[in-house]
Amino acid sequence: MEKFILKLAQKFNPQIPFDDYRSALTSQKLDESIVKSIYNKIKPDPKKYNSEILFTASVLLLFSPKSILLSEKVENGICFTIKKNLGINQQSASYRIKVAREVYQVDKVFKAQVDGIVKEVCNE
């Protein structure tokens, strides 16, 4: 159904760059080396303000963009990766994902930080 809505929207709005949106919502394949690179850049710690949420948002944006941009379900393996890297339980990982979504959508400074980290890591 969504494919047909997209086709119709493209037909009546050819000036909108739908391909840019499509590429923004396409997730990368989970790569532990990129996750480690994000981890090393942020160095998340419960005592370091917002660092765990920043790490979570960065991982979501790269490997499950629909979950952070559209509040969709997190793709398989991403929650486990966050849980493993932060050394927390499933419930805590789910909470950080929820908070990362909310903060990313509301806070422009946080969004810029996450976007900058993702851009840096992708360019390495």
PDB file of N, CA and C in Angstrom:
ATOM      1  N   MET A   1       0.810  -1.197   0.000  1.00  0.00           N
ATOM      2  CA  MET A   1       0.000   0.000   0.000  1.00  0.00           C
ATOM      3  C   MET A   1       0.855   1.262   0.000  1.00  0.00           C
ATOM      4  N   GLU A   2       1.923   1.254   0.837  1.00  0.00           N
ATOM      5  CA  GLU A   2       2.780   2.428   0.913  1.00  0.00           C
ATOM      6  C   GLU A   2       3.460   2.718  -0.421  1.00  0.00           C
ATOM      7  N   LYS A   3       3.776   1.667  -1.172  1.00  0.00           N
ATOM      8  CA  LYS A   3       4.421   1.841  -2.468  1.00  0.00           C
ATOM      9  C   LYS A   3       3.496   2.599  -3.421  1.00  0.00           C
ATOM     10  N   PHE A   4       2.212   2.294  -3.366  1.00  0.00           N
ATOM     11  CA  PHE A   4       1.248   2.965  -4.241  1.00  0.00           C
ATOM     12  C   PHE A   4       1.043   4.417  -3.829  1.00  0.00           C
ATOM     13  N   ILE A   5       1.061   4.656  -2.530  1.00  0.00           N
ATOM     14  CA  ILE A   5       0.950   6.039  -2.043  1.00  0.00           C
ATOM     15  C   ILE A   5       2.151   6.843  -2.511  1.00  0.00           C
ATOM     16  N   LEU A   6       3.333   6.248  -2.433  1.00  0.00           N
ATOM     17  CA  LEU A   6       4.548   6.915  -2.886  1.00  0.00           C
ATOM     18  C   LEU A   6       4.480   7.207  -4.381  1.00  0.00           C
ATOM     19  N   LYS A   7       4.011   6.257  -5.175  1.00  0.00           N
ATOM     20  CA  LYS A   7       3.878   6.462  -6.620  1.00  0.00           C
ATOM     21  C   LYS A   7       2.944   7.629  -6.921  1.00  0.00           C
ATOM     22  N   LEU A   8       1.821   7.656  -6.224  1.00  0.00           N
ATOM     23  CA  LEU A   8       0.852   8.721  -6.426  1.00  0.00           C
ATOM     24  C   LEU A   8       1.426  10.075  -6.002  1.00  0.00           C
ATOM     25  N   ALA A   9       2.121  10.096  -4.881  1.00  0.00           N
ATOM     26  CA  ALA A   9       2.736  11.333  -4.407  1.00  0.00           C
ATOM     27  C   ALA A   9       3.793  11.820  -5.391  1.00  0.00           C
ATOM     28  N   GLN A  10       4.570  10.904  -5.959  1.00  0.00           N
ATOM     29  CA  GLN A  10       5.586  11.286  -6.943  1.00  0.00           C
ATOM     30  C   GLN A  10       4.946  11.832  -8.214  1.00  0.00           C
ATOM     31  N   LYS A  11       3.831  11.259  -8.593  1.00  0.00           N
ATOM     32  CA  LYS A  11       3.143  11.685  -9.808  1.00  0.00           C
ATOM     33  C   LYS A  11       2.642  13.118  -9.673  1.00  0.00           C
ATOM     34  N   PHE A  12       2.060  13.444  -8.525  1.00  0.00           N
ATOM     35  CA  PHE A  12       1.476  14.763  -8.341  1.00  0.00           C
ATOM     36  C   PHE A  12       2.442  15.790  -7.762  1.00  0.00           C
ATOM     37  N   ASN A  13       3.595  15.346  -7.308  1.00  0.00           N
ATOM     38  CA  ASN A  13       4.591  16.251  -6.721  1.00  0.00           C
ATOM     39  C   ASN A  13       5.982  15.926  -7.250  1.00  0.00           C
ATOM     40  N   PRO A  14       6.221  16.082  -8.534  1.00  0.00           N
ATOM     41  CA  PRO A  14       7.535  15.694  -9.088  1.00  0.00           C
ATOM     42  C   PRO A  14       8.688  16.554  -8.569  1.00  0.00           C
ATOM     43  N   GLN A  15       8.392  17.716  -8.018  1.00  0.00           N
ATOM     44  CA  GLN A  15       9.442  18.609  -7.531  1.00  0.00           C
ATOM     45  C   GLN A  15      10.031  18.156  -6.185  1.00  0.00           C
ATOM     46  N   ILE A  16       9.362  17.280  -5.485  1.00  0.00           N
ATOM     47  CA  ILE A  16       9.851  16.796  -4.186  1.00  0.00           C
ATOM     48  C   ILE A  16      10.903  15.708  -4.417  1.00  0.00           C
ATOM     49  N   PRO A  17      12.062  15.838  -3.778  1.00  0.00           N
ATOM     50  CA  PRO A  17      13.142  14.855  -3.979  1.00  0.00           C
ATOM     51  C   PRO A  17      12.898  13.554  -3.197  1.00  0.00           C
ATOM     52  N   PHE A  18      11.994  12.712  -3.705  1.00  0.00           N
ATOM     53  CA  PHE A  18      11.636  11.473  -3.017  1.00  0.00           C
ATOM     54  C   PHE A  18      12.819  10.518  -2.884  1.00  0.00           C
ATOM     55  N   ASP A  19      13.723  10.535  -3.844  1.00  0.00           N
ATOM     56  CA  ASP A  19      14.879   9.641  -3.774  1.00  0.00           C
ATOM     57  C   ASP A  19      15.774   9.978  -2.581  1.00  0.00           C
ATOM     58  N   ASP A  20      15.852  11.267  -2.224  1.00  0.00           N
ATOM     59  CA  ASP A  20      16.625  11.668  -1.049  1.00  0.00           C
ATOM     60  C   ASP A  20      16.015  11.080   0.219  1.00  0.00           C
ATOM     61  N   TYR A  21      14.687  11.115   0.286  1.00  0.00           N
ATOM     62  CA  TYR A  21      14.004  10.537   1.446  1.00  0.00           C
ATOM     63  C   TYR A  21      14.192   9.022   1.487  1.00  0.00           C
ATOM     64  N   ARG A  22      14.103   8.418   0.335  1.00  0.00           N
ATOM     65  CA  ARG A  22      14.272   6.960   0.266  1.00  0.00           C
ATOM     66  C   ARG A  22      15.665   6.567   0.738  1.00  0.00           C
ATOM     67  N   SER A  23      16.680   7.300   0.306  1.00  0.00           N
ATOM     68  CA  SER A  23      18.047   6.964   0.723  1.00  0.00           C
ATOM     69  C   SER A  23      18.257   7.253   2.213  1.00  0.00           C
ATOM     70  N   ALA A  24      17.597   8.278   2.748  1.00  0.00           N
ATOM     71  CA  ALA A  24      17.721   8.583   4.176  1.00  0.00           C
ATOM     72  C   ALA A  24      17.096   7.489   5.039  1.00  0.00           C
ATOM     73  N   LEU A  25      16.098   6.791   4.507  1.00  0.00           N
ATOM     74  CA  LEU A  25      15.418   5.741   5.264  1.00  0.00           C
ATOM     75  C   LEU A  25      15.986   4.349   5.010  1.00  0.00           C
ATOM     76  N   THR A  26      17.003   4.262   4.163  1.00  0.00           N
ATOM     77  CA  THR A  26      17.625   2.975   3.875  1.00  0.00           C
ATOM     78  C   THR A  26      18.724   2.714   4.895  1.00  0.00           C
ATOM     79  N   SER A  27      18.610   1.599   5.585  1.00  0.00           N
ATOM     80  CA  SER A  27      19.591   1.286   6.626  1.00  0.00           C
ATOM     81  C   SER A  27      20.814   0.592   6.035  1.00  0.00           C
ATOM     82  N   GLN A  28      21.937   0.809   6.713  1.00  0.00           N
ATOM     83  CA  GLN A  28      23.154   0.090   6.350  1.00  0.00           C
ATOM     84  C   GLN A  28      23.121  -1.272   7.015  1.00  0.00           C
ATOM     85  N   LYS A  29      23.883  -2.191   6.481  1.00  0.00           N
ATOM     86  CA  LYS A  29      24.021  -3.498   7.105  1.00  0.00           C
ATOM     87  C   LYS A  29      24.829  -3.319   8.382  1.00  0.00           C
ATOM     88  N   LEU A  30      24.411  -3.996   9.442  1.00  0.00           N
ATOM     89  CA  LEU A  30      25.075  -3.868  10.742  1.00  0.00           C
ATOM     90  C   LEU A  30      26.550  -4.234  10.618  1.00  0.00           C
ATOM     91  N   ASP A  31      27.410  -3.307  10.982  1.00  0.00           N
ATOM     92  CA  ASP A  31      28.855  -3.481  10.899  1.00  0.00           C
ATOM     93  C   ASP A  31      29.452  -3.143  12.264  1.00  0.00           C
ATOM     94  N   GLU A  32      29.971  -4.149  12.938  1.00  0.00           N
ATOM     95  CA  GLU A  32      30.503  -3.962  14.292  1.00  0.00           C
ATOM     96  C   GLU A  32      31.673  -2.971  14.326  1.00  0.00           C
ATOM     97  N   SER A  33      32.445  -2.883  13.239  1.00  0.00           N
ATOM     98  CA  SER A  33      33.572  -1.948  13.240  1.00  0.00           C
ATOM     99  C   SER A  33      33.076  -0.502  13.257  1.00  0.00           C
ATOM    100  N   ILE A  34      31.973  -0.237  12.583  1.00  0.00           N
ATOM    101  CA  ILE A  34      31.396   1.112  12.606  1.00  0.00           C
ATOM    102  C   ILE A  34      30.809   1.400  13.984  1.00  0.00           C
ATOM    103  N   VAL A  35      30.162   0.404  14.577  1.00  0.00           N
ATOM    104  CA  VAL A  35      29.616   0.567  15.934  1.00  0.00           C
ATOM    105  C   VAL A  35      30.750   0.877  16.906  1.00  0.00           C
ATOM    106  N   LYS A  36      31.864   0.160  16.797  1.00  0.00           N
ATOM    107  CA  LYS A  36      33.028   0.409  17.659  1.00  0.00           C
ATOM    108  C   LYS A  36      33.591   1.805  17.426  1.00  0.00           C
ATOM    109  N   SER A  37      33.594   2.237  16.181  1.00  0.00           N
ATOM    110  CA  SER A  37      34.077   3.577  15.863  1.00  0.00           C
ATOM    111  C   SER A  37      33.198   4.645  16.520  1.00  0.00           C
ATOM    112  N   ILE A  38      31.885   4.446  16.463  1.00  0.00           N
ATOM    113  CA  ILE A  38      30.959   5.364  17.132  1.00  0.00           C
ATOM    114  C   ILE A  38      31.196   5.333  18.639  1.00  0.00           C
ATOM    115  N   TYR A  39      31.349   4.141  19.172  1.00  0.00           N
ATOM    116  CA  TYR A  39      31.581   3.975  20.609  1.00  0.00           C
ATOM    117  C   TYR A  39      32.853   4.710  21.037  1.00  0.00           C
ATOM    118  N   ASN A  40      33.930   4.540  20.281  1.00  0.00           N
ATOM    119  CA  ASN A  40      35.201   5.183  20.619  1.00  0.00           C
ATOM    120  C   ASN A  40      35.132   6.696  20.491  1.00  0.00           C
ATOM    121  N   LYS A  41      34.328   7.189  19.566  1.00  0.00           N
ATOM    122  CA  LYS A  41      34.185   8.630  19.366  1.00  0.00           C
ATOM    123  C   LYS A  41      33.397   9.262  20.521  1.00  0.00           C
ATOM    124  N   ILE A  42      32.352   8.576  20.990  1.00  0.00           N
ATOM    125  CA  ILE A  42      31.485   9.130  22.030  1.00  0.00           C
ATOM    126  C   ILE A  42      31.962   8.751  23.434  1.00  0.00           C
ATOM    127  N   LYS A  43      32.504   7.540  23.580  1.00  0.00           N
ATOM    128  CA  LYS A  43      32.899   6.984  24.878  1.00  0.00           C
ATOM    129  C   LYS A  43      31.743   7.094  25.873  1.00  0.00           C
ATOM    130  N   PRO A  44      30.632   6.385  25.597  1.00  0.00           N
ATOM    131  CA  PRO A  44      29.465   6.493  26.475  1.00  0.00           C
ATOM    132  C   PRO A  44      29.728   5.982  27.887  1.00  0.00           C
ATOM    133  N   ASP A  45      29.207   6.719  28.832  1.00  0.00           N
ATOM    134  CA  ASP A  45      29.369   6.397  30.237  1.00  0.00           C
ATOM    135  C   ASP A  45      28.146   6.931  30.975  1.00  0.00           C
ATOM    136  N   PRO A  46      27.594   6.166  31.921  1.00  0.00           N
ATOM    137  CA  PRO A  46      26.415   6.647  32.649  1.00  0.00           C
ATOM    138  C   PRO A  46      26.658   7.986  33.363  1.00  0.00           C
ATOM    139  N   LYS A  47      27.902   8.263  33.708  1.00  0.00           N
ATOM    140  CA  LYS A  47      28.219   9.513  34.413  1.00  0.00           C
ATOM    141  C   LYS A  47      28.441  10.679  33.454  1.00  0.00           C
ATOM    142  N   LYS A  48      28.577  10.385  32.172  1.00  0.00           N
ATOM    143  CA  LYS A  48      28.813  11.413  31.159  1.00  0.00           C
ATOM    144  C   LYS A  48      27.467  11.799  30.550  1.00  0.00           C
ATOM    145  N   TYR A  49      27.051  13.021  30.737  1.00  0.00           N
ATOM    146  CA  TYR A  49      25.725  13.504  30.363  1.00  0.00           C
ATOM    147  C   TYR A  49      25.372  13.185  28.916  1.00  0.00           C
ATOM    148  N   ASN A  50      24.258  12.513  28.720  1.00  0.00           N
ATOM    149  CA  ASN A  50      23.670  12.215  27.404  1.00  0.00           C
ATOM    150  C   ASN A  50      24.513  11.310  26.504  1.00  0.00           C
ATOM    151  N   SER A  51      25.638  10.824  26.955  1.00  0.00           N
ATOM    152  CA  SER A  51      26.519  10.065  26.065  1.00  0.00           C
ATOM    153  C   SER A  51      25.893   8.748  25.606  1.00  0.00           C
ATOM    154  N   GLU A  52      25.177   8.069  26.496  1.00  0.00           N
ATOM    155  CA  GLU A  52      24.552   6.803  26.104  1.00  0.00           C
ATOM    156  C   GLU A  52      23.411   7.034  25.115  1.00  0.00           C
ATOM    157  N   ILE A  53      22.679   8.118  25.286  1.00  0.00           N
ATOM    158  CA  ILE A  53      21.588   8.460  24.370  1.00  0.00           C
ATOM    159  C   ILE A  53      22.172   8.878  23.018  1.00  0.00           C
ATOM    160  N   LEU A  54      23.274   9.594  23.041  1.00  0.00           N
ATOM    161  CA  LEU A  54      23.956  10.015  21.808  1.00  0.00           C
ATOM    162  C   LEU A  54      24.454   8.791  21.029  1.00  0.00           C
ATOM    163  N   PHE A  55      25.040   7.842  21.729  1.00  0.00           N
ATOM    164  CA  PHE A  55      25.498   6.606  21.102  1.00  0.00           C
ATOM    165  C   PHE A  55      24.319   5.852  20.491  1.00  0.00           C
ATOM    166  N   THR A  56      23.246   5.718  21.259  1.00  0.00           N
ATOM    167  CA  THR A  56      22.062   4.993  20.802  1.00  0.00           C
ATOM    168  C   THR A  56      21.471   5.647  19.556  1.00  0.00           C
ATOM    169  N   ALA A  57      21.327   6.961  19.576  1.00  0.00           N
ATOM    170  CA  ALA A  57      20.763   7.676  18.431  1.00  0.00           C
ATOM    171  C   ALA A  57      21.646   7.527  17.191  1.00  0.00           C
ATOM    172  N   SER A  58      22.947   7.569  17.372  1.00  0.00           N
ATOM    173  CA  SER A  58      23.869   7.429  16.237  1.00  0.00           C
ATOM    174  C   SER A  58      23.769   6.042  15.604  1.00  0.00           C
ATOM    175  N   VAL A  59      23.698   5.021  16.445  1.00  0.00           N
ATOM    176  CA  VAL A  59      23.564   3.648  15.947  1.00  0.00           C
ATOM    177  C   VAL A  59      22.230   3.488  15.224  1.00  0.00           C
ATOM    178  N   LEU A  60      21.163   4.028  15.810  1.00  0.00           N
ATOM    179  CA  LEU A  60      19.843   3.930  15.174  1.00  0.00           C
ATOM    180  C   LEU A  60      19.825   4.637  13.821  1.00  0.00           C
ATOM    181  N   LEU A  61      20.406   5.818  13.754  1.00  0.00           N
ATOM    182  CA  LEU A  61      20.383   6.575  12.501  1.00  0.00           C
ATOM    183  C   LEU A  61      21.090   5.838  11.372  1.00  0.00           C
ATOM    184  N   LEU A  62      22.151   5.136  11.694  1.00  0.00           N
ATOM    185  CA  LEU A  62      22.883   4.396  10.667  1.00  0.00           C
ATOM    186  C   LEU A  62      22.241   3.056  10.314  1.00  0.00           C
ATOM    187  N   PHE A  63      21.857   2.300  11.337  1.00  0.00           N
ATOM    188  CA  PHE A  63      21.458   0.919  11.105  1.00  0.00           C
ATOM    189  C   PHE A  63      19.957   0.650  11.211  1.00  0.00           C
ATOM    190  N   SER A  64      19.192   1.638  11.646  1.00  0.00           N
ATOM    191  CA  SER A  64      17.738   1.499  11.726  1.00  0.00           C
ATOM    192  C   SER A  64      17.094   2.884  11.620  1.00  0.00           C
ATOM    193  N   PRO A  65      17.323   3.581  10.501  1.00  0.00           N
ATOM    194  CA  PRO A  65      16.857   4.977  10.388  1.00  0.00           C
ATOM    195  C   PRO A  65      15.343   5.140  10.493  1.00  0.00           C
ATOM    196  N   LYS A  66      14.589   4.144  10.047  1.00  0.00           N
ATOM    197  CA  LYS A  66      13.132   4.250  10.154  1.00  0.00           C
ATOM    198  C   LYS A  66      12.700   4.327  11.610  1.00  0.00           C
ATOM    199  N   SER A  67      13.454   3.682  12.487  1.00  0.00           N
ATOM    200  CA  SER A  67      13.068   3.666  13.894  1.00  0.00           C
ATOM    201  C   SER A  67      13.254   5.029  14.549  1.00  0.00           C
ATOM    202  N   ILE A  68      14.262   5.777  14.131  1.00  0.00           N
ATOM    203  CA  ILE A  68      14.491   7.078  14.765  1.00  0.00           C
ATOM    204  C   ILE A  68      13.787   8.211  14.004  1.00  0.00           C
ATOM    205  N   LEU A  69      13.655   8.078  12.697  1.00  0.00           N
ATOM    206  CA  LEU A  69      13.019   9.140  11.904  1.00  0.00           C
ATOM    207  C   LEU A  69      11.500   9.026  11.857  1.00  0.00           C
ATOM    208  N   LEU A  70      10.999   7.796  11.884  1.00  0.00           N
ATOM    209  CA  LEU A  70       9.556   7.577  11.749  1.00  0.00           C
ATOM    210  C   LEU A  70       8.946   6.842  12.949  1.00  0.00           C
ATOM    211  N   SER A  71       9.738   6.605  13.976  1.00  0.00           N
ATOM    212  CA  SER A  71       9.299   5.870  15.176  1.00  0.00           C
ATOM    213  C   SER A  71       8.764   4.479  14.844  1.00  0.00           C
ATOM    214  N   GLU A  72       9.375   3.837  13.859  1.00  0.00           N
ATOM    215  CA  GLU A  72       9.013   2.462  13.500  1.00  0.00           C
ATOM    216  C   GLU A  72       9.753   1.496  14.423  1.00  0.00           C
ATOM    217  N   LYS A  73       9.464   0.220  14.258  1.00  0.00           N
ATOM    218  CA  LYS A  73      10.121  -0.821  15.040  1.00  0.00           C
ATOM    219  C   LYS A  73      11.621  -0.866  14.706  1.00  0.00           C
ATOM    220  N   VAL A  74      12.438  -1.107  15.708  1.00  0.00           N
ATOM    221  CA  VAL A  74      13.887  -1.187  15.533  1.00  0.00           C
ATOM    222  C   VAL A  74      14.218  -2.466  14.781  1.00  0.00           C
ATOM    223  N   GLU A  75      15.130  -2.385  13.828  1.00  0.00           N
ATOM    224  CA  GLU A  75      15.499  -3.551  13.032  1.00  0.00           C
ATOM    225  C   GLU A  75      16.213  -4.592  13.889  1.00  0.00           C
ATOM    226  N   ASN A  76      16.132  -5.834  13.461  1.00  0.00           N
ATOM    227  CA  ASN A  76      16.697  -6.964  14.214  1.00  0.00           C
ATOM    228  C   ASN A  76      18.183  -6.789  14.499  1.00  0.00           C
ATOM    229  N   GLY A  77      18.554  -7.070  15.714  1.00  0.00           N
ATOM    230  CA  GLY A  77      19.954  -7.052  16.108  1.00  0.00           C
ATOM    231  C   GLY A  77      20.447  -5.718  16.623  1.00  0.00           C
ATOM    232  N   ILE A  78      19.743  -4.641  16.360  1.00  0.00           N
ATOM    233  CA  ILE A  78      20.219  -3.314  16.746  1.00  0.00           C
ATOM    234  C   ILE A  78      20.092  -3.117  18.259  1.00  0.00           C
ATOM    235  N   CYS A  79      18.971  -3.517  18.813  1.00  0.00           N
ATOM    236  CA  CYS A  79      18.781  -3.389  20.266  1.00  0.00           C
ATOM    237  C   CYS A  79      19.829  -4.224  21.004  1.00  0.00           C
ATOM    238  N   PHE A  80      20.094  -5.426  20.512  1.00  0.00           N
ATOM    239  CA  PHE A  80      21.104  -6.284  21.123  1.00  0.00           C
ATOM    240  C   PHE A  80      22.484  -5.626  21.057  1.00  0.00           C
ATOM    241  N   THR A  81      22.798  -5.007  19.931  1.00  0.00           N
ATOM    242  CA  THR A  81      24.090  -4.336  19.760  1.00  0.00           C
ATOM    243  C   THR A  81      24.232  -3.189  20.751  1.00  0.00           C
ATOM    244  N   ILE A  82      23.175  -2.401  20.916  1.00  0.00           N
ATOM    245  CA  ILE A  82      23.195  -1.290  21.864  1.00  0.00           C
ATOM    246  C   ILE A  82      23.366  -1.834  23.280  1.00  0.00           C
ATOM    247  N   LYS A  83      22.600  -2.870  23.599  1.00  0.00           N
ATOM    248  CA  LYS A  83      22.651  -3.503  24.917  1.00  0.00           C
ATOM    249  C   LYS A  83      24.058  -4.017  25.214  1.00  0.00           C
ATOM    250  N   LYS A  84      24.649  -4.694  24.253  1.00  0.00           N
ATOM    251  CA  LYS A  84      25.974  -5.289  24.433  1.00  0.00           C
ATOM    252  C   LYS A  84      27.051  -4.214  24.618  1.00  0.00           C
ATOM    253  N   ASN A  85      27.012  -3.175  23.792  1.00  0.00           N
ATOM    254  CA  ASN A  85      28.050  -2.147  23.854  1.00  0.00           C
ATOM    255  C   ASN A  85      27.949  -1.272  25.099  1.00  0.00           C
ATOM    256  N   LEU A  86      26.736  -1.027  25.570  1.00  0.00           N
ATOM    257  CA  LEU A  86      26.572  -0.197  26.762  1.00  0.00           C
ATOM    258  C   LEU A  86      26.610  -1.013  28.052  1.00  0.00           C
ATOM    259  N   GLY A  87      26.548  -2.344  27.924  1.00  0.00           N
ATOM    260  CA  GLY A  87      26.594  -3.198  29.107  1.00  0.00           C
ATOM    261  C   GLY A  87      25.361  -3.046  29.980  1.00  0.00           C
ATOM    262  N   ILE A  88      24.197  -2.994  29.340  1.00  0.00           N
ATOM    263  CA  ILE A  88      22.935  -2.810  30.061  1.00  0.00           C
ATOM    264  C   ILE A  88      21.979  -3.944  29.718  1.00  0.00           C
ATOM    265  N   ASN A  89      20.840  -4.004  30.413  1.00  0.00           N
ATOM    266  CA  ASN A  89      19.859  -5.054  30.132  1.00  0.00           C
ATOM    267  C   ASN A  89      18.886  -4.620  29.032  1.00  0.00           C
ATOM    268  N   GLN A  90      18.016  -5.525  28.636  1.00  0.00           N
ATOM    269  CA  GLN A  90      17.079  -5.290  27.536  1.00  0.00           C
ATOM    270  C   GLN A  90      16.151  -4.099  27.821  1.00  0.00           C
ATOM    271  N   GLN A  91      15.648  -4.028  29.033  1.00  0.00           N
ATOM    272  CA  GLN A  91      14.727  -2.953  29.390  1.00  0.00           C
ATOM    273  C   GLN A  91      15.417  -1.590  29.324  1.00  0.00           C
ATOM    274  N   SER A  92      16.637  -1.515  29.791  1.00  0.00           N
ATOM    275  CA  SER A  92      17.395  -0.258  29.740  1.00  0.00           C
ATOM    276  C   SER A  92      17.711   0.139  28.304  1.00  0.00           C
ATOM    277  N   ALA A  93      18.034  -0.848  27.474  1.00  0.00           N
ATOM    278  CA  ALA A  93      18.314  -0.561  26.064  1.00  0.00           C
ATOM    279  C   ALA A  93      17.054  -0.028  25.371  1.00  0.00           C
ATOM    280  N   SER A  94      15.912  -0.633  25.650  1.00  0.00           N
ATOM    281  CA  SER A  94      14.654  -0.173  25.065  1.00  0.00           C
ATOM    282  C   SER A  94      14.328   1.250  25.517  1.00  0.00           C
ATOM    283  N   TYR A  95      14.597   1.541  26.772  1.00  0.00           N
ATOM    284  CA  TYR A  95      14.358   2.888  27.291  1.00  0.00           C
ATOM    285  C   TYR A  95      15.257   3.907  26.589  1.00  0.00           C
ATOM    286  N   ARG A  96      16.516   3.572  26.398  1.00  0.00           N
ATOM    287  CA  ARG A  96      17.441   4.497  25.727  1.00  0.00           C
ATOM    288  C   ARG A  96      17.039   4.726  24.270  1.00  0.00           C
ATOM    289  N   ILE A  97      16.530   3.689  23.631  1.00  0.00           N
ATOM    290  CA  ILE A  97      16.036   3.835  22.254  1.00  0.00           C
ATOM    291  C   ILE A  97      14.855   4.791  22.227  1.00  0.00           C
ATOM    292  N   LYS A  98      13.943   4.627  23.157  1.00  0.00           N
ATOM    293  CA  LYS A  98      12.766   5.505  23.245  1.00  0.00           C
ATOM    294  C   LYS A  98      13.190   6.959  23.459  1.00  0.00           C
ATOM    295  N   VAL A  99      14.097   7.182  24.395  1.00  0.00           N
ATOM    296  CA  VAL A  99      14.560   8.534  24.698  1.00  0.00           C
ATOM    297  C   VAL A  99      15.335   9.114  23.516  1.00  0.00           C
ATOM    298  N   ALA A 100      16.175   8.304  22.872  1.00  0.00           N
ATOM    299  CA  ALA A 100      16.953   8.772  21.720  1.00  0.00           C
ATOM    300  C   ALA A 100      16.032   9.247  20.601  1.00  0.00           C
ATOM    301  N   ARG A 101      14.953   8.512  20.352  1.00  0.00           N
ATOM    302  CA  ARG A 101      13.975   8.911  19.333  1.00  0.00           C
ATOM    303  C   ARG A 101      13.386  10.273  19.661  1.00  0.00           C
ATOM    304  N   GLU A 102      12.915  10.405  20.904  1.00  0.00           N
ATOM    305  CA  GLU A 102      12.246  11.638  21.317  1.00  0.00           C
ATOM    306  C   GLU A 102      13.181  12.837  21.257  1.00  0.00           C
ATOM    307  N   VAL A 103      14.382  12.680  21.801  1.00  0.00           N
ATOM    308  CA  VAL A 103      15.330  13.792  21.839  1.00  0.00           C
ATOM    309  C   VAL A 103      15.776  14.153  20.422  1.00  0.00           C
ATOM    310  N   TYR A 104      16.024  13.163  19.578  1.00  0.00           N
ATOM    311  CA  TYR A 104      16.457  13.424  18.199  1.00  0.00           C
ATOM    312  C   TYR A 104      15.401  14.218  17.434  1.00  0.00           C
ATOM    313  N   GLN A 105      14.142  13.920  17.669  1.00  0.00           N
ATOM    314  CA  GLN A 105      13.071  14.597  16.939  1.00  0.00           C
ATOM    315  C   GLN A 105      12.782  15.994  17.470  1.00  0.00           C
ATOM    316  N   VAL A 106      13.147  16.276  18.723  1.00  0.00           N
ATOM    317  CA  VAL A 106      12.782  17.550  19.348  1.00  0.00           C
ATOM    318  C   VAL A 106      13.954  18.525  19.476  1.00  0.00           C
ATOM    319  N   ASP A 107      15.119  18.031  19.818  1.00  0.00           N
ATOM    320  CA  ASP A 107      16.271  18.879  20.145  1.00  0.00           C
ATOM    321  C   ASP A 107      17.178  19.062  18.924  1.00  0.00           C
ATOM    322  N   LYS A 108      17.245  20.272  18.409  1.00  0.00           N
ATOM    323  CA  LYS A 108      18.035  20.550  17.199  1.00  0.00           C
ATOM    324  C   LYS A 108      19.533  20.398  17.444  1.00  0.00           C
ATOM    325  N   VAL A 109      19.997  20.774  18.632  1.00  0.00           N
ATOM    326  CA  VAL A 109      21.423  20.656  18.953  1.00  0.00           C
ATOM    327  C   VAL A 109      21.822  19.184  19.022  1.00  0.00           C
ATOM    328  N   PHE A 110      21.006  18.376  19.692  1.00  0.00           N
ATOM    329  CA  PHE A 110      21.265  16.942  19.782  1.00  0.00           C
ATOM    330  C   PHE A 110      21.256  16.311  18.401  1.00  0.00           C
ATOM    331  N   LYS A 111      20.279  16.680  17.582  1.00  0.00           N
ATOM    332  CA  LYS A 111      20.170  16.160  16.216  1.00  0.00           C
ATOM    333  C   LYS A 111      21.431  16.490  15.421  1.00  0.00           C
ATOM    334  N   ALA A 112      21.911  17.720  15.559  1.00  0.00           N
ATOM    335  CA  ALA A 112      23.126  18.132  14.851  1.00  0.00           C
ATOM    336  C   ALA A 112      24.338  17.333  15.328  1.00  0.00           C
ATOM    337  N   GLN A 113      24.407  17.045  16.629  1.00  0.00           N
ATOM    338  CA  GLN A 113      25.506  16.233  17.161  1.00  0.00           C
ATOM    339  C   GLN A 113      25.480  14.831  16.567  1.00  0.00           C
ATOM    340  N   VAL A 114      24.301  14.222  16.573  1.00  0.00           N
ATOM    341  CA  VAL A 114      24.161  12.861  16.041  1.00  0.00           C
ATOM    342  C   VAL A 114      24.502  12.838  14.555  1.00  0.00           C
ATOM    343  N   ASP A 115      23.954  13.771  13.801  1.00  0.00           N
ATOM    344  CA  ASP A 115      24.229  13.839  12.367  1.00  0.00           C
ATOM    345  C   ASP A 115      25.721  14.030  12.101  1.00  0.00           C
ATOM    346  N   GLY A 116      26.373  14.848  12.921  1.00  0.00           N
ATOM    347  CA  GLY A 116      27.812  15.078  12.762  1.00  0.00           C
ATOM    348  C   GLY A 116      28.627  13.827  13.039  1.00  0.00           C
ATOM    349  N   ILE A 117      28.261  13.105  14.089  1.00  0.00           N
ATOM    350  CA  ILE A 117      28.973  11.866  14.428  1.00  0.00           C
ATOM    351  C   ILE A 117      28.807  10.844  13.326  1.00  0.00           C
ATOM    352  N   VAL A 118      27.584  10.688  12.837  1.00  0.00           N
ATOM    353  CA  VAL A 118      27.317   9.719  11.765  1.00  0.00           C
ATOM    354  C   VAL A 118      28.079  10.097  10.508  1.00  0.00           C
ATOM    355  N   LYS A 119      28.114  11.374  10.182  1.00  0.00           N
ATOM    356  CA  LYS A 119      28.840  11.824   8.987  1.00  0.00           C
ATOM    357  C   LYS A 119      30.345  11.562   9.137  1.00  0.00           C
ATOM    358  N   GLU A 120      30.896  11.863  10.318  1.00  0.00           N
ATOM    359  CA  GLU A 120      32.319  11.623  10.566  1.00  0.00           C
ATOM    360  C   GLU A 120      32.669  10.139  10.428  1.00  0.00           C
ATOM    361  N   VAL A 121      31.857   9.302  11.051  1.00  0.00           N
ATOM    362  CA  VAL A 121      32.123   7.855  11.037  1.00  0.00           C
ATOM    363  C   VAL A 121      32.000   7.294   9.622  1.00  0.00           C
ATOM    364  N   CYS A 122      31.039   7.774   8.866  1.00  0.00           N
ATOM    365  CA  CYS A 122      30.864   7.291   7.492  1.00  0.00           C
ATOM    366  C   CYS A 122      31.994   7.736   6.569  1.00  0.00           C
ATOM    367  N   ASN A 123      32.611   8.863   6.874  1.00  0.00           N
ATOM    368  CA  ASN A 123      33.699   9.375   6.037  1.00  0.00           C
ATOM    369  C   ASN A 123      35.052   8.773   6.387  1.00  0.00           C
ATOM    370  N   GLU A 124      35.129   8.015   7.483  1.00  0.00           N
ATOM    371  CA  GLU A 124      36.421   7.415   7.872  1.00  0.00           C
ATOM    372  C   GLU A 124      36.776   6.247   6.998  1.00  0.00           C
TER     373      GLU A 124
END
